[in-house]
Amino acid sequence: MSSSTKGKIVLVSGINGYIASTIGLDLLRKGYTVRGTTRSKHSADALLNGAYKDYADRVEMVEVQNMTTPGAFDEAVKGVTAVLHTASPLDFSVKSWDYFVPVAVNGAAGILRSAYHHAGPQLESFVLTSSVAAVMDPRKKPYAFTEADWNTYSEEKAKELGTEAPGALLYQASKTAAEQAIWAFRDEYKVAQSKLANGSSTTQPTFSISAVNPGVVVGPPIQPPTDPNLINETLKPIWALFSGASRTIPDAIGSASYIDVRDVAAMHIWCATHPAESNGQRYLMTNGRGTPQAAADILRKAYPHRTEIPVGEPGSDYEAGYAWPKDGQTFVATKAMEALGGDFILFDRSILDTAKVFERYL
């Protein structure tokens, strides 16, 4: 254990989640104590008895049944060095504004407020798991998106469609609104600080605030569910192809921008451990365009005996090396890549490493 991490506690909300559990394991390997929040302590049993088993003495679980309840995270944040907020609704089958947007916004704003008031002076950083969905606007083509861009489309369109709004659109709206909420919080306290001379007692947060904006997250889960029906939303198309449950090539999720979960975890930890550099920053994370057709082609080549994998139209809808199409939307993730000091994991490795985990279900 590094002396620089010994005794330091990092709070990871939604610890059972696909991204959160990966972040947690990386933190444990680095010597941190991980405090995870979950709706039910028992729901973390698989993680505690599985991937986190060797680190049981440095794992704490806190039950937060409803993250939208005012003060829900007040106790969980006490004494932590960093807060990594990953918890957010992600079920594209649900078509409810109330399921997505208020939960995401109130959860993000609530945990940040708890951190500000109750964590303590040792708190160094707050990192939000946002999304490329908070960056891209589907109306802009061709266009190269950067961290300076915002999705101004999804919330307007979701409100226009009302009860007919699809789950994916509501998810996009929720990620935009949640990230905007944390920046609004920061700006609110900046204004308050400027009024100190007039007797205000409110000061700007002394900890850093940053956001990680990944594309469609793929790669091996560190604690796969016992039932493949419970696989994470972004991995469901891969399982559908690999298992043969889908006899045709499924639709891509959003723009099919992809990033490996291991890179996403590394970026969260980098933000948390580099507060001076990450403060006020967004980090767009995509590594190209990885479509379901590309995933099927990769799987068929690696598993030629699995004739259940659909064929589709091999090579038809993606570029060599899973690059961005020249005449479409692209995402510039240079800032995140430079921070981590190397290339992101390629799509074929992400798919094959995921398939290796999924072999247990066959």
Protein backbone atom coordinates (compact mmCIF):
# COMPACT_ATOMS: atom_id res chain seq x y z
CA MET A 1 0.00 0.00 0.00
CA SER A 2 1.31 3.43 -0.93
CA SER A 3 1.90 5.82 1.97
CA SER A 4 0.13 8.49 -0.07
CA THR A 5 -3.12 6.50 -0.13
CA LYS A 6 -3.05 4.79 3.28
CA GLY A 7 -6.00 5.83 5.41
CA LYS A 8 -7.63 7.89 2.66
CA ILE A 9 -11.29 7.18 2.03
CA VAL A 10 -12.92 7.64 -1.37
CA LEU A 11 -16.70 7.63 -1.66
CA VAL A 12 -18.10 5.95 -4.78
CA SER A 13 -21.85 6.25 -5.20
CA GLY A 14 -23.78 3.38 -6.78
CA ILE A 15 -20.91 1.00 -6.05
CA ASN A 16 -22.76 -1.99 -7.55
CA GLY A 17 -22.80 -0.33 -10.94
CA TYR A 18 -20.72 -1.36 -13.93
CA ILE A 19 -18.47 1.72 -13.93
CA ALA A 20 -18.51 2.28 -10.17
CA SER A 21 -17.45 -1.26 -9.27
CA THR A 22 -14.52 -1.01 -11.68
CA ILE A 23 -13.47 2.32 -10.17
CA GLY A 24 -13.74 0.81 -6.71
CA LEU A 25 -11.50 -2.13 -7.53
CA ASP A 26 -8.84 0.15 -9.06
CA LEU A 27 -8.92 2.34 -5.94
CA LEU A 28 -8.55 -0.68 -3.67
CA ARG A 29 -5.58 -1.90 -5.68
CA LYS A 30 -3.98 1.50 -5.20
CA GLY A 31 -4.38 1.27 -1.43
CA TYR A 32 -7.41 3.48 -0.79
CA THR A 33 -10.30 2.64 1.47
CA VAL A 34 -13.48 2.58 -0.60
CA ARG A 35 -16.78 3.64 0.84
CA GLY A 36 -19.58 2.66 -1.50
CA THR A 37 -23.22 3.62 -1.44
CA THR A 38 -25.93 1.21 -2.42
CA ARG A 39 -29.71 1.10 -2.11
CA SER A 40 -29.43 -2.02 0.02
CA LYS A 41 -26.35 -3.30 1.84
CA HIS A 42 -27.25 -6.86 0.89
CA SER A 43 -27.11 -5.95 -2.79
CA ALA A 44 -23.35 -5.50 -2.39
CA ASP A 45 -22.81 -9.03 -1.07
CA ALA A 46 -21.75 -10.40 -4.46
CA LEU A 47 -19.13 -7.68 -4.79
CA LEU A 48 -17.85 -8.15 -1.24
CA ASN A 49 -17.62 -11.91 -1.68
CA GLY A 50 -16.23 -11.64 -5.19
CA ALA A 51 -14.05 -8.94 -6.74
CA TYR A 52 -13.54 -7.06 -3.45
CA LYS A 53 -12.97 -10.11 -1.26
CA ASP A 54 -9.21 -9.64 -0.90
CA TYR A 55 -9.74 -6.04 0.25
CA ALA A 56 -12.54 -6.55 2.76
CA ASP A 57 -10.71 -4.62 5.47
CA ARG A 58 -10.76 -1.48 3.30
CA VAL A 59 -14.33 -1.62 2.04
CA GLU A 60 -17.22 0.20 3.69
CA MET A 61 -20.83 0.04 2.54
CA VAL A 62 -23.41 2.73 3.26
CA GLU A 63 -27.08 2.26 2.49
CA VAL A 64 -28.70 5.16 0.63
CA GLN A 65 -32.16 3.97 -0.28
CA ASN A 66 -33.19 7.11 -2.14
CA MET A 67 -30.50 9.48 -3.34
CA THR A 68 -33.04 12.22 -4.07
CA THR A 69 -33.95 12.56 -0.38
CA PRO A 70 -32.49 15.79 1.05
CA GLY A 71 -29.41 14.94 3.12
CA ALA A 72 -29.28 11.37 1.80
CA PHE A 73 -25.47 11.48 1.56
CA ASP A 74 -24.73 13.62 4.63
CA GLU A 75 -23.29 10.71 6.65
CA ALA A 76 -21.67 8.94 3.70
CA VAL A 77 -19.44 11.89 2.79
CA LYS A 78 -17.96 12.48 6.23
CA GLY A 79 -14.18 12.16 6.32
CA VAL A 80 -13.66 11.28 2.65
CA THR A 81 -10.83 12.57 0.47
CA ALA A 82 -12.80 12.35 -2.77
CA VAL A 83 -16.38 11.84 -3.93
CA LEU A 84 -16.98 10.02 -7.20
CA HIS A 85 -20.64 10.23 -8.11
CA THR A 86 -21.52 7.57 -10.67
CA ALA A 87 -25.07 6.68 -9.63
CA SER A 88 -27.71 7.64 -12.22
CA PRO A 89 -30.78 6.00 -13.78
CA LEU A 90 -29.92 3.83 -16.81
CA ASP A 91 -32.74 1.67 -18.13
CA PHE A 92 -33.69 2.48 -21.71
CA SER A 93 -36.88 0.42 -21.44
CA VAL A 94 -38.35 3.00 -19.04
CA LYS A 95 -40.13 5.91 -20.71
CA SER A 96 -40.68 8.25 -17.80
CA TRP A 97 -39.33 11.77 -17.32
CA ASP A 98 -39.72 11.37 -13.55
CA TYR A 99 -37.62 8.20 -13.56
CA PHE A 100 -34.71 9.84 -15.35
CA VAL A 101 -34.37 13.59 -15.02
CA PRO A 102 -35.35 14.57 -11.45
CA VAL A 103 -33.52 11.54 -10.03
CA ALA A 104 -30.30 12.33 -11.89
CA VAL A 105 -30.42 16.05 -11.11
CA ASN A 106 -31.39 15.75 -7.45
CA GLY A 107 -28.90 12.94 -6.89
CA ALA A 108 -25.98 14.92 -8.33
CA ALA A 109 -26.90 18.19 -6.66
CA GLY A 110 -27.70 16.43 -3.39
CA ILE A 111 -24.42 14.58 -3.01
CA LEU A 112 -22.46 17.69 -4.00
CA ARG A 113 -24.34 19.71 -1.41
CA SER A 114 -23.64 17.04 1.21
CA ALA A 115 -19.96 17.07 0.28
CA TYR A 116 -19.78 20.85 0.63
CA HIS A 117 -21.47 20.97 4.03
CA HIS A 118 -20.50 17.69 5.70
CA ALA A 119 -17.38 16.04 4.19
CA GLY A 120 -14.81 18.10 6.08
CA PRO A 121 -11.71 20.11 5.17
CA GLN A 122 -9.79 17.05 3.96
CA LEU A 123 -12.05 16.73 0.89
CA GLU A 124 -9.99 17.33 -2.24
CA SER A 125 -12.19 16.48 -5.19
CA PHE A 126 -15.66 15.78 -6.52
CA VAL A 127 -15.98 13.89 -9.81
CA LEU A 128 -19.25 13.39 -11.69
CA THR A 129 -19.85 10.58 -14.15
CA SER A 130 -21.52 12.52 -16.93
CA SER A 131 -21.80 11.33 -20.53
CA VAL A 132 -21.12 12.12 -24.14
CA ALA A 133 -24.89 12.50 -24.16
CA ALA A 134 -24.41 15.82 -22.35
CA VAL A 135 -22.10 16.98 -25.15
CA MET A 136 -23.49 15.87 -28.51
CA ASP A 137 -26.34 17.43 -30.46
CA PRO A 138 -27.69 15.05 -33.13
CA ARG A 139 -28.66 18.01 -35.32
CA LYS A 140 -25.02 18.93 -35.93
CA LYS A 141 -23.55 16.98 -38.86
CA PRO A 142 -20.75 16.90 -39.77
CA TYR A 143 -19.29 18.23 -36.56
CA ALA A 144 -16.36 17.59 -34.22
CA PHE A 145 -17.58 17.79 -30.62
CA THR A 146 -15.33 18.93 -27.78
CA GLU A 147 -15.79 19.64 -24.09
CA ALA A 148 -17.00 23.12 -25.03
CA ASP A 149 -20.20 21.69 -26.53
CA TRP A 150 -23.50 21.01 -24.81
CA ASN A 151 -26.51 18.94 -25.79
CA THR A 152 -29.29 21.50 -26.04
CA TYR A 153 -31.55 19.19 -28.01
CA SER A 154 -32.56 16.21 -25.87
CA GLU A 155 -34.31 18.00 -23.02
CA GLU A 156 -36.31 20.17 -25.41
CA LYS A 157 -37.27 17.17 -27.56
CA ALA A 158 -38.18 15.02 -24.56
CA LYS A 159 -40.50 17.70 -23.26
CA GLU A 160 -42.04 18.07 -26.72
CA LEU A 161 -42.71 14.31 -27.01
CA GLY A 162 -43.98 13.95 -23.44
CA THR A 163 -45.06 10.39 -22.68
CA GLU A 164 -43.92 9.31 -26.15
CA ALA A 165 -40.27 10.20 -25.44
CA PRO A 166 -38.05 7.07 -25.72
CA GLY A 167 -35.90 6.01 -22.80
CA ALA A 168 -32.63 6.78 -24.60
CA LEU A 169 -33.72 10.37 -25.20
CA LEU A 170 -34.75 10.79 -21.57
CA TYR A 171 -31.39 9.40 -20.46
CA GLN A 172 -29.60 11.97 -22.63
CA ALA A 173 -31.71 14.75 -21.13
CA SER A 174 -30.98 13.51 -17.61
CA LYS A 175 -27.21 13.46 -18.09
CA THR A 176 -27.20 16.97 -19.49
CA ALA A 177 -29.39 18.32 -16.69
CA ALA A 178 -27.39 16.56 -13.96
CA GLU A 179 -24.06 17.90 -15.16
CA GLN A 180 -25.48 21.40 -15.57
CA ALA A 181 -26.65 21.16 -11.96
CA ILE A 182 -23.14 20.64 -10.58
CA TRP A 183 -21.72 23.54 -12.58
CA ALA A 184 -24.63 25.72 -11.43
CA PHE A 185 -23.78 24.78 -7.84
CA ARG A 186 -20.17 25.79 -8.33
CA ASP A 187 -21.12 29.08 -10.00
CA GLU A 188 -23.63 29.85 -7.24
CA TYR A 189 -20.92 29.64 -4.61
CA LYS A 190 -18.49 31.63 -6.72
CA VAL A 191 -21.03 34.44 -6.71
CA ALA A 192 -21.55 34.01 -2.98
CA GLN A 193 -17.81 34.26 -2.36
CA SER A 194 -17.68 37.57 -4.19
CA LYS A 195 -20.23 38.92 -1.72
CA LEU A 196 -18.22 38.06 1.40
CA ALA A 197 -17.31 41.69 1.85
CA ASN A 198 -20.99 42.41 2.34
CA GLY A 199 -21.25 40.00 5.26
CA SER A 200 -22.09 36.72 3.51
CA SER A 201 -20.80 33.61 5.31
CA THR A 202 -20.88 31.36 2.24
CA THR A 203 -17.59 30.48 0.54
CA GLN A 204 -16.68 28.78 -2.69
CA PRO A 205 -15.94 25.03 -2.43
CA THR A 206 -12.27 24.42 -1.63
CA PHE A 207 -12.35 21.06 -3.39
CA SER A 208 -12.16 20.51 -7.16
CA ILE A 209 -15.23 19.74 -9.26
CA SER A 210 -14.88 17.90 -12.57
CA ALA A 211 -16.91 15.75 -14.95
CA VAL A 212 -16.06 12.69 -17.03
CA ASN A 213 -18.08 12.38 -20.25
CA PRO A 214 -17.72 8.85 -21.67
CA GLY A 215 -19.32 7.47 -24.80
CA VAL A 216 -20.93 4.02 -24.84
CA VAL A 217 -18.98 2.16 -22.17
CA VAL A 218 -17.88 -1.37 -23.04
CA GLY A 219 -15.35 -3.81 -21.66
CA PRO A 220 -15.36 -6.57 -19.04
CA PRO A 221 -17.44 -6.13 -15.89
CA ILE A 222 -15.42 -6.95 -12.77
CA GLN A 223 -18.47 -8.52 -11.07
CA PRO A 224 -20.85 -9.92 -13.70
CA PRO A 225 -24.40 -10.63 -12.51
CA THR A 226 -25.48 -14.21 -11.88
CA ASP A 227 -28.27 -13.76 -14.43
CA PRO A 228 -27.35 -12.49 -17.93
CA ASN A 229 -30.71 -10.74 -18.07
CA LEU A 230 -29.24 -8.30 -15.53
CA ILE A 231 -26.24 -7.32 -17.66
CA ASN A 232 -25.52 -3.60 -17.84
CA GLU A 233 -27.47 -1.66 -20.48
CA THR A 234 -24.46 -0.81 -22.63
CA LEU A 235 -23.28 -4.44 -22.67
CA LYS A 236 -26.67 -5.93 -23.56
CA PRO A 237 -26.10 -5.68 -27.33
CA ILE A 238 -22.81 -7.56 -26.99
CA TRP A 239 -24.45 -10.35 -25.03
CA ALA A 240 -27.36 -10.47 -27.49
CA LEU A 241 -24.87 -11.00 -30.32
CA PHE A 242 -22.62 -13.43 -28.48
CA SER A 243 -25.46 -15.57 -27.13
CA GLY A 244 -27.40 -15.58 -30.38
CA ALA A 245 -30.43 -14.09 -28.64
CA SER A 246 -30.46 -11.52 -31.42
CA ARG A 247 -30.67 -13.11 -34.85
CA THR A 248 -30.15 -9.74 -36.50
CA ILE A 249 -27.71 -6.94 -35.82
CA PRO A 250 -29.21 -4.69 -33.10
CA ASP A 251 -29.35 -0.93 -33.40
CA ALA A 252 -26.39 1.05 -32.13
CA ILE A 253 -26.69 2.95 -28.87
CA GLY A 254 -26.62 6.63 -29.73
CA SER A 255 -23.75 7.53 -32.03
CA ALA A 256 -21.92 4.25 -31.26
CA SER A 257 -19.03 6.23 -29.77
CA TYR A 258 -17.22 3.75 -27.55
CA ILE A 259 -14.79 3.77 -24.64
CA ASP A 260 -13.51 0.96 -22.43
CA VAL A 261 -14.69 0.84 -18.82
CA ARG A 262 -11.09 0.49 -17.63
CA ASP A 263 -10.16 3.79 -19.26
CA VAL A 264 -13.24 5.43 -17.77
CA ALA A 265 -12.28 4.21 -14.30
CA ALA A 266 -8.72 5.48 -14.76
CA MET A 267 -10.01 8.92 -15.78
CA HIS A 268 -12.19 9.23 -12.68
CA ILE A 269 -9.26 8.37 -10.45
CA TRP A 270 -6.98 10.78 -12.30
CA CYS A 271 -9.47 13.60 -11.76
CA ALA A 272 -9.79 12.70 -8.09
CA THR A 273 -6.03 12.62 -7.54
CA HIS A 274 -5.20 15.70 -9.64
CA PRO A 275 -7.56 18.29 -8.17
CA ALA A 276 -5.56 21.33 -9.28
CA GLU A 277 -5.50 20.20 -12.92
CA SER A 278 -9.04 18.80 -13.10
CA ASN A 279 -10.90 21.55 -11.28
CA GLY A 280 -13.62 23.02 -13.48
CA GLN A 281 -12.86 20.63 -16.34
CA ARG A 282 -14.91 18.23 -18.44
CA TYR A 283 -13.20 15.20 -19.98
CA LEU A 284 -14.74 13.78 -23.13
CA MET A 285 -13.92 10.07 -23.51
CA THR A 286 -14.48 8.27 -26.79
CA ASN A 287 -12.12 6.20 -28.89
CA GLY A 288 -13.97 6.01 -32.19
CA ARG A 289 -17.13 4.40 -33.48
CA GLY A 290 -17.76 0.79 -32.51
CA THR A 291 -21.03 -0.47 -33.96
CA PRO A 292 -22.92 -3.69 -33.20
CA GLN A 293 -21.97 -4.88 -36.70
CA ALA A 294 -18.32 -4.36 -35.82
CA ALA A 295 -18.83 -6.27 -32.56
CA ALA A 296 -20.48 -9.15 -34.45
CA ASP A 297 -17.59 -9.29 -36.92
CA ILE A 298 -15.07 -9.40 -34.06
CA LEU A 299 -16.99 -12.13 -32.22
CA ARG A 300 -17.50 -14.33 -35.28
CA LYS A 301 -13.79 -14.24 -36.08
CA ALA A 302 -12.80 -15.12 -32.49
CA TYR A 303 -15.54 -17.72 -32.00
CA PRO A 304 -16.02 -19.37 -35.43
CA HIS A 305 -17.82 -22.33 -33.81
CA ARG A 306 -20.57 -20.03 -32.49
CA THR A 307 -22.80 -20.05 -35.53
CA GLU A 308 -25.50 -18.34 -33.45
CA ILE A 309 -23.73 -14.99 -33.82
CA PRO A 310 -25.61 -13.06 -36.54
CA VAL A 311 -23.75 -12.18 -39.73
CA GLY A 312 -25.47 -9.01 -40.85
CA GLU A 313 -23.43 -7.17 -43.47
CA PRO A 314 -19.79 -7.59 -42.44
CA GLY A 315 -17.74 -4.42 -42.51
CA SER A 316 -20.64 -2.36 -43.79
CA ASP A 317 -21.17 0.40 -41.23
CA TYR A 318 -17.82 1.14 -39.61
CA GLU A 319 -14.39 2.37 -40.59
CA ALA A 320 -11.05 0.57 -40.41
CA GLY A 321 -9.67 0.78 -36.88
CA TYR A 322 -13.14 1.86 -35.69
CA ALA A 323 -12.32 5.42 -36.70
CA TRP A 324 -14.85 8.21 -36.99
CA PRO A 325 -16.47 8.58 -40.42
CA LYS A 326 -15.04 11.57 -42.28
CA ASP A 327 -18.43 13.04 -43.14
CA GLY A 328 -20.23 12.50 -39.82
CA GLN A 329 -20.00 13.38 -36.16
CA THR A 330 -16.69 13.00 -34.37
CA PHE A 331 -15.58 13.52 -30.78
CA VAL A 332 -12.25 15.00 -29.76
CA ALA A 333 -10.98 13.24 -26.63
CA THR A 334 -7.44 14.57 -26.73
CA LYS A 335 -7.60 16.17 -23.29
CA ALA A 336 -8.49 12.91 -21.50
CA MET A 337 -5.98 10.89 -23.48
CA GLU A 338 -3.17 13.32 -22.68
CA ALA A 339 -4.11 13.32 -18.99
CA LEU A 340 -3.87 9.53 -18.83
CA GLY A 341 -0.66 9.55 -20.85
CA GLY A 342 -1.45 6.92 -23.44
CA ASP A 343 -3.87 5.50 -25.97
CA PHE A 344 -7.29 4.20 -25.03
CA ILE A 345 -8.14 0.50 -25.28
CA LEU A 346 -9.30 -0.47 -28.77
CA PHE A 347 -12.78 -1.75 -29.52
CA ASP A 348 -11.75 -5.26 -30.50
CA ARG A 349 -9.98 -5.83 -27.19
CA SER A 350 -12.96 -4.43 -25.29
CA ILE A 351 -15.34 -6.79 -27.10
CA LEU A 352 -13.17 -9.89 -26.71
CA ASP A 353 -12.43 -9.23 -23.03
CA THR A 354 -16.16 -8.80 -22.45
CA ALA A 355 -16.96 -12.00 -24.32
CA LYS A 356 -14.44 -13.87 -22.17
CA VAL A 357 -16.42 -12.86 -19.08
CA PHE A 358 -19.70 -13.78 -20.77
CA GLU A 359 -18.50 -17.31 -21.57
CA ARG A 360 -19.76 -18.33 -18.09
CA TYR A 361 -23.33 -17.89 -19.31
CA LEU A 362 -23.07 -20.18 -22.33
